[in-house]
Structure formats: C-alpha cells, structure tokens
Amino acid sequence: MPTSDYQQRAQNTVSESKFSWRSILVHGPRKVTITLNRGVMHLGSQMLDFLAPPRCPITGELVHTAGDLSGAGWAQLHFLSKPRCERCGRPFELAVDEGTICGACIAAPPVFQRARAAVAYDDQSRRLIIGFKHSDRTEHALLFSRWLVRAGEEILQPGVILVPVPLHWRRTFSRRYNQAALLTRAISNLTGLAQETNLLRRHRATPPQAGLAAAARKRNVNGAFSVRDDARARIENARIVLVDDVYTTGATLSACARVLRKAGAKQVDALTVARVVKQGGSAV
C-alpha cells in the first residue's frame, strides 16, 4: 500500500477519535475513553504496518493484512478434499465409493469416529504451523479457522462441542498459549458452536512427538490425558469435535477420544489444520 494511503488512514483514525468535552456530555466519560482507546490501538496498528508492512509468511510478498497469504502463497498449499477415507480422512489417489475406509483404519480402527484436515502437511504448511506453534504467529488462528470450517463441514454440525487437545501446564507456561485452544476459539467465533477448553487435561508431561514412529507415539501419550471431575456431566451423551494443529498418526487424538468416550461422550470426531499424507512422514 502506498505511503500516502497509510498516512490518510492514520489521519482518519485520529480525526474519528478526537477528544471533546461535548462527547463527554453527550456520551459520558466511559464511552469516550473506550472510543479513544480503540482509536489509539487502530492508529498503533496502522503505524506498525507502515514501519513493517505485512508479508506473506510463505513467499515474503507484501499483503494487505498480517496473516494473509499472497496468490503465490495460496498456490503452494495442497488443500485436501474427496476422495478420502471416511474414518481418518487420508486422501485417496483414485476415485472410490462414498464411505470407503482405508486399509490402515480397517486394520486398526481409530478411537475417534472421523477426522478431517484442511491441508497436507508439507514444507509450505509446516512453515505456517511452526510459526503459529512456536513463534507467536497467533494471527494465523483466524486464517486456519476459516480453512477448518470448510474442511470440517461434515462434522461441525449444530450441537457439537469444540474441545482443544490440551497441553501440559508446563508447556503452556513456556509457550504462553495453547495453539489448539486458539483454533477452537476462532472456529467457535465463526460458527457459533460451543467450546469447552477445560474438559480435558494433560496431567502427564510427555516428550515431544516429533521424530517418533507410530508405535512410540502411541506409547508416549498413553495415559497422558484425563477428564476433569467437574466436566463429566457436560460430556455425557455429548458429540465432541477435538481440535489440534497436525494429524500425524492419530495417536494423540485417539488418546483424547478414548478418555472422552469412557466418560460418556456419544461421539468424538477430530479436526486439524494439517495432516501428514506421505507414509513415514513426521510432524512437529
């Protein structure tokens, strides 16, 4: 955006938020204070855009708003759609009948009913998720949530409860946020679906899953999750959608689904931003 446009927008913001005694008499001091605060925050955002214009996190090209992708950035992502496994959402290379289940799910059915993901986990999506998960790029939550609403159309039905996969409290403290909870909140805001961030807890700290084989991942999270005692009434007969960033082998999602089903949940589905597609692939 040209410099003059930034200056004009900043000037408009200042004009709209000017302090006046007439405003206090008409609206009261509290409303004027709120208006001024909003104006200052908006002006600060515009000044930040002027000093450090937002760029596409994939290509580095200039974009209109922080967190947006450029056209070239969009083109580098592999969005997932049908044909896919009805259970785990693994994409099929060839057309199959509706409701077909992949060999892996036939051999070892997952605990959750269905899983859906927005994009394939590859170099481009990994860059976005790493930034979101480990580098405070929390503005990606809104972008990802729009993808998730589209990918999860089948399972984001009225009456379901959105539940984020929890982090252990020590990891939440060090990271300062749970990325799954940010996604859950953003999806709830877009859809109006209920969210429950305190149904599950990760009572046992586990080593990172990155680099572990499927069997090791399953052992790593076995017994790591539990249902909060005061949440059991809300889980009984509930239809729950677990929300997380990446589906690799499904071990974490299955571990969460297992304790929710044991606590009385009627059905548990899963929704993630990305999914490992290549056999043997690993995520963060």
Protein backbone atom coordinates (compact mmCIF):
# COMPACT_ATOMS: atom_id res chain seq x y z
CA MET A 1 0.00 0.00 0.00
CA PRO A 2 1.45 3.47 -0.88
CA THR A 3 2.74 5.66 1.95
CA SER A 4 0.06 8.28 1.31
CA ASP A 5 -2.68 5.70 1.95
CA TYR A 6 -1.18 4.80 5.33
CA GLN A 7 -0.97 8.49 6.22
CA GLN A 8 -4.59 9.07 5.20
CA ARG A 9 -5.83 6.10 7.22
CA ALA A 10 -3.85 7.24 10.24
CA GLN A 11 -5.25 10.78 9.87
CA ASN A 12 -8.80 9.42 9.64
CA THR A 13 -8.25 7.41 12.80
CA VAL A 14 -7.05 10.46 14.71
CA SER A 15 -9.96 12.54 13.45
CA GLU A 16 -12.51 9.90 14.46
CA SER A 17 -11.09 9.57 17.99
CA LYS A 18 -10.52 13.24 18.88
CA PHE A 19 -11.27 14.14 22.46
CA SER A 20 -14.04 16.72 23.05
CA TRP A 21 -15.96 17.94 26.08
CA ARG A 22 -19.15 17.74 24.03
CA SER A 23 -18.59 13.98 23.61
CA ILE A 24 -18.29 13.57 27.38
CA LEU A 25 -21.51 15.50 27.97
CA VAL A 26 -23.42 13.51 25.34
CA HIS A 27 -21.98 10.01 25.76
CA GLY A 28 -20.33 10.03 29.17
CA PRO A 29 -16.63 9.68 30.05
CA ARG A 30 -16.53 5.87 29.89
CA LYS A 31 -17.70 5.67 26.26
CA VAL A 32 -15.31 8.42 25.22
CA THR A 33 -12.43 6.57 26.93
CA ILE A 34 -13.33 3.36 25.09
CA THR A 35 -13.50 5.24 21.78
CA LEU A 36 -10.11 6.86 22.43
CA ASN A 37 -8.55 3.53 23.34
CA ARG A 38 -9.86 1.92 20.18
CA GLY A 39 -8.59 4.83 18.14
CA VAL A 40 -5.14 4.61 19.69
CA MET A 41 -4.99 0.83 19.12
CA HIS A 42 -6.08 1.27 15.50
CA LEU A 43 -3.53 4.03 14.95
CA GLY A 44 -0.84 1.85 16.51
CA SER A 45 -1.72 -0.98 14.15
CA GLN A 46 -1.51 1.33 11.15
CA MET A 47 1.86 2.70 12.29
CA LEU A 48 3.16 -0.86 12.71
CA ASP A 49 2.01 -1.71 9.18
CA PHE A 50 3.77 1.42 7.94
CA LEU A 51 7.06 0.59 9.69
CA ALA A 52 6.91 -3.16 8.98
CA PRO A 53 4.44 -3.87 6.15
CA PRO A 54 2.79 -7.30 6.49
CA ARG A 55 4.19 -10.02 4.25
CA CYS A 56 3.01 -13.41 3.14
CA PRO A 57 4.51 -15.96 5.57
CA ILE A 58 5.21 -18.34 2.67
CA THR A 59 6.55 -16.15 -0.15
CA GLY A 60 7.53 -12.94 1.65
CA GLU A 61 5.42 -10.82 -0.72
CA LEU A 62 3.61 -7.75 0.61
CA VAL A 63 -0.01 -8.42 1.62
CA HIS A 64 -2.82 -6.22 2.89
CA THR A 65 -3.20 -7.65 6.41
CA ALA A 66 -0.91 -9.55 8.75
CA GLY A 67 -1.56 -13.29 8.40
CA ASP A 68 -2.83 -13.05 4.83
CA LEU A 69 -1.33 -15.13 2.04
CA SER A 70 -0.35 -13.89 -1.38
CA GLY A 71 -1.75 -15.50 -4.52
CA ALA A 72 1.52 -17.37 -5.00
CA GLY A 73 1.40 -18.50 -1.36
CA TRP A 74 -2.09 -19.94 -1.79
CA ALA A 75 -0.97 -21.81 -4.90
CA GLN A 76 1.76 -23.61 -2.95
CA LEU A 77 -0.65 -25.17 -0.43
CA HIS A 78 -2.25 -28.56 -1.03
CA PHE A 79 -5.83 -28.40 0.25
CA LEU A 80 -7.40 -31.78 0.99
CA SER A 81 -10.77 -32.89 -0.34
CA LYS A 82 -12.57 -36.01 -1.54
CA PRO A 83 -11.88 -38.81 -2.33
CA ARG A 84 -10.68 -39.68 1.16
CA CYS A 85 -11.00 -42.30 3.87
CA GLU A 86 -14.31 -41.91 5.66
CA ARG A 87 -12.66 -42.51 9.05
CA CYS A 88 -9.22 -40.85 9.18
CA GLY A 89 -9.53 -38.52 6.19
CA ARG A 90 -6.46 -39.87 4.38
CA PRO A 91 -6.75 -38.76 0.74
CA PHE A 92 -7.05 -41.45 -1.93
CA GLU A 93 -5.18 -41.07 -5.21
CA LEU A 94 -8.01 -42.64 -7.22
CA ALA A 95 -11.76 -42.20 -7.11
CA VAL A 96 -13.51 -44.52 -4.63
CA ASP A 97 -17.07 -45.12 -3.49
CA GLU A 98 -18.51 -42.81 -0.85
CA GLY A 99 -17.80 -44.14 2.65
CA THR A 100 -14.71 -46.15 1.69
CA ILE A 101 -12.30 -46.80 4.57
CA CYS A 102 -8.54 -47.06 4.09
CA GLY A 103 -6.57 -50.22 4.88
CA ALA A 104 -4.94 -48.71 7.96
CA CYS A 105 -8.32 -47.90 9.56
CA ILE A 106 -9.66 -51.36 8.70
CA ALA A 107 -6.64 -52.99 10.35
CA ALA A 108 -6.64 -50.72 13.40
CA PRO A 109 -9.82 -48.60 13.67
CA PRO A 110 -9.17 -45.24 15.36
CA VAL A 111 -11.00 -44.44 18.59
CA PHE A 112 -12.49 -41.26 17.10
CA GLN A 113 -15.28 -41.60 14.55
CA ARG A 114 -13.99 -39.28 11.81
CA ALA A 115 -11.00 -36.99 11.27
CA ARG A 116 -10.74 -34.16 8.77
CA ALA A 117 -7.83 -31.87 7.91
CA ALA A 118 -7.63 -28.73 5.79
CA VAL A 119 -4.22 -29.12 4.11
CA ALA A 120 -1.47 -31.66 3.56
CA TYR A 121 1.46 -31.32 5.92
CA ASP A 122 4.37 -30.35 3.67
CA ASP A 123 7.14 -27.74 3.57
CA GLN A 124 4.76 -24.83 2.96
CA SER A 125 2.12 -25.70 5.57
CA ARG A 126 4.86 -26.69 8.01
CA ARG A 127 6.30 -23.18 7.80
CA LEU A 128 2.93 -21.69 8.71
CA ILE A 129 2.29 -24.11 11.55
CA ILE A 130 5.78 -23.80 13.03
CA GLY A 131 5.32 -20.03 13.12
CA PHE A 132 1.91 -20.39 14.73
CA LYS A 133 3.01 -23.01 17.23
CA HIS A 134 6.46 -21.84 18.26
CA SER A 135 6.99 -18.25 17.06
CA ASP A 136 3.98 -16.32 18.37
CA ARG A 137 2.34 -16.02 14.95
CA THR A 138 -1.06 -16.22 16.63
CA GLU A 139 -2.66 -14.16 13.87
CA HIS A 140 -2.66 -17.39 11.84
CA ALA A 141 -5.50 -18.70 14.04
CA LEU A 142 -8.12 -16.75 12.08
CA LEU A 143 -6.69 -17.89 8.74
CA PHE A 144 -6.57 -21.52 9.85
CA SER A 145 -10.05 -21.40 11.36
CA ARG A 146 -11.57 -20.45 8.00
CA TRP A 147 -9.87 -23.47 6.43
CA LEU A 148 -11.09 -25.69 9.25
CA VAL A 149 -14.72 -24.59 8.92
CA ARG A 150 -14.57 -25.56 5.25
CA ALA A 151 -12.73 -28.85 5.85
CA GLY A 152 -14.96 -29.82 8.78
CA GLU A 153 -18.31 -29.06 7.18
CA GLU A 154 -19.47 -32.67 7.72
CA ILE A 155 -18.64 -32.75 11.43
CA LEU A 156 -19.22 -29.14 12.53
CA GLN A 157 -22.93 -29.72 12.95
CA PRO A 158 -25.30 -27.93 15.36
CA GLY A 159 -24.99 -29.19 18.90
CA VAL A 160 -21.38 -30.38 18.79
CA ILE A 161 -18.88 -29.17 21.38
CA LEU A 162 -15.43 -27.99 20.29
CA VAL A 163 -12.63 -29.24 22.56
CA PRO A 164 -8.94 -28.39 22.07
CA VAL A 165 -6.25 -31.01 22.62
CA PRO A 166 -4.67 -29.79 25.88
CA LEU A 167 -1.03 -29.08 26.62
CA HIS A 168 0.64 -29.94 29.90
CA TRP A 169 0.67 -26.89 32.13
CA ARG A 170 4.47 -26.58 31.96
CA ARG A 171 4.41 -26.44 28.17
CA THR A 172 1.56 -23.92 28.22
CA PHE A 173 3.59 -21.80 30.62
CA SER A 174 6.71 -21.88 28.44
CA ARG A 175 4.80 -21.29 25.18
CA ARG A 176 2.35 -18.83 26.78
CA TYR A 177 -0.61 -20.25 24.84
CA ASN A 178 -2.14 -23.48 23.60
CA GLN A 179 -2.37 -23.27 19.81
CA ALA A 180 -5.27 -25.76 19.76
CA ALA A 181 -7.25 -23.55 22.14
CA LEU A 182 -6.70 -20.52 19.88
CA LEU A 183 -8.01 -22.53 16.90
CA THR A 184 -11.02 -23.73 18.93
CA ARG A 185 -11.92 -20.19 19.95
CA ALA A 186 -11.62 -18.92 16.37
CA ILE A 187 -13.82 -21.74 15.00
CA SER A 188 -16.39 -21.07 17.72
CA ASN A 189 -16.47 -17.38 16.79
CA LEU A 190 -17.05 -18.21 13.12
CA THR A 191 -19.67 -20.91 13.63
CA GLY A 192 -21.35 -20.11 16.93
CA LEU A 193 -20.63 -23.65 18.15
CA ALA A 194 -19.96 -24.16 21.85
CA GLN A 195 -16.38 -24.53 23.02
CA GLU A 196 -15.14 -26.20 26.19
CA THR A 197 -11.47 -25.61 26.93
CA ASN A 198 -11.45 -27.32 30.33
CA LEU A 199 -13.00 -30.72 29.67
CA LEU A 200 -9.65 -32.42 29.14
CA ARG A 201 -6.33 -32.07 30.89
CA ARG A 202 -2.87 -33.38 30.10
CA HIS A 203 -1.89 -34.50 33.57
CA ARG A 204 1.38 -36.16 32.50
CA ALA A 205 4.12 -34.28 30.70
CA THR A 206 5.26 -36.15 27.60
CA PRO A 207 8.33 -35.72 25.38
CA PRO A 208 7.64 -34.07 22.00
CA GLN A 209 6.14 -36.44 19.44
CA ALA A 210 8.33 -35.14 16.59
CA GLY A 211 10.53 -37.84 15.12
CA LEU A 212 8.79 -40.75 16.87
CA ALA A 213 7.43 -43.74 14.96
CA ALA A 214 3.74 -44.63 15.20
CA ALA A 215 4.15 -47.21 17.98
CA ALA A 216 6.36 -44.88 20.01
CA ARG A 217 3.87 -42.03 19.60
CA LYS A 218 1.11 -44.24 20.93
CA ARG A 219 3.17 -45.27 23.97
CA ASN A 220 4.22 -41.68 24.57
CA VAL A 221 0.66 -40.37 25.04
CA ASN A 222 -0.85 -43.49 26.59
CA GLY A 223 -2.46 -42.44 29.86
CA ALA A 224 -1.38 -38.80 29.47
CA PHE A 225 -4.92 -37.36 29.31
CA SER A 226 -7.84 -37.37 31.70
CA VAL A 227 -11.25 -35.79 32.09
CA ARG A 228 -11.73 -33.15 34.74
CA ASP A 229 -14.02 -34.35 37.53
CA ASP A 230 -16.32 -31.34 37.25
CA ALA A 231 -16.71 -31.84 33.48
CA ARG A 232 -18.27 -35.30 33.40
CA ALA A 233 -21.84 -34.03 33.35
CA ARG A 234 -21.11 -31.92 30.26
CA ILE A 235 -19.52 -34.88 28.46
CA GLU A 236 -22.35 -37.37 28.99
CA ASN A 237 -24.01 -38.08 25.60
CA ALA A 238 -22.18 -35.14 24.01
CA ARG A 239 -20.96 -35.03 20.42
CA ILE A 240 -17.43 -33.65 20.58
CA VAL A 241 -15.03 -32.37 17.95
CA LEU A 242 -11.37 -32.42 19.03
CA VAL A 243 -9.28 -29.60 17.56
CA ASP A 244 -5.50 -29.71 17.02
CA ASP A 245 -2.86 -28.40 14.64
CA VAL A 246 -1.46 -31.55 12.96
CA TYR A 247 -2.62 -35.14 12.45
CA THR A 248 0.40 -37.43 12.08
CA THR A 249 -0.54 -40.96 13.18
CA GLY A 250 -3.67 -40.09 15.15
CA ALA A 251 -2.14 -41.27 18.43
CA THR A 252 -2.80 -38.05 20.36
CA LEU A 253 -6.33 -37.67 19.00
CA SER A 254 -7.12 -41.31 19.79
CA ALA A 255 -5.77 -40.95 23.33
CA CYS A 256 -8.05 -37.94 23.91
CA ALA A 257 -11.03 -39.62 22.26
CA ARG A 258 -10.56 -42.71 24.42
CA VAL A 259 -10.96 -40.84 27.73
CA LEU A 260 -13.88 -38.80 26.36
CA ARG A 261 -15.72 -41.93 25.23
CA LYS A 262 -15.01 -43.59 28.56
CA ALA A 263 -16.51 -40.54 30.29
CA GLY A 264 -19.73 -40.95 28.31
CA ALA A 265 -19.31 -38.93 25.10
CA LYS A 266 -21.70 -40.15 22.41
CA GLN A 267 -19.32 -39.44 19.52
CA VAL A 268 -15.88 -37.93 19.08
CA ASP A 269 -14.60 -36.52 15.78
CA ALA A 270 -11.35 -34.69 15.08
CA LEU A 271 -10.38 -31.61 13.08
CA THR A 272 -6.81 -30.48 12.35
CA VAL A 273 -5.19 -27.80 10.24
CA ALA A 274 -2.83 -30.22 8.50
CA ARG A 275 -2.39 -33.93 8.00
CA VAL A 276 0.68 -35.98 7.20
CA VAL A 277 -0.09 -37.73 3.94
CA LYS A 278 3.15 -39.43 2.89
CA GLN A 279 3.84 -42.75 4.57
CA GLY A 280 6.53 -42.29 7.19
CA GLY A 281 6.14 -38.52 7.31
CA SER A 282 6.52 -36.78 10.65
CA ALA A 283 5.27 -33.54 12.11
CA VAL A 284 6.39 -31.06 14.72
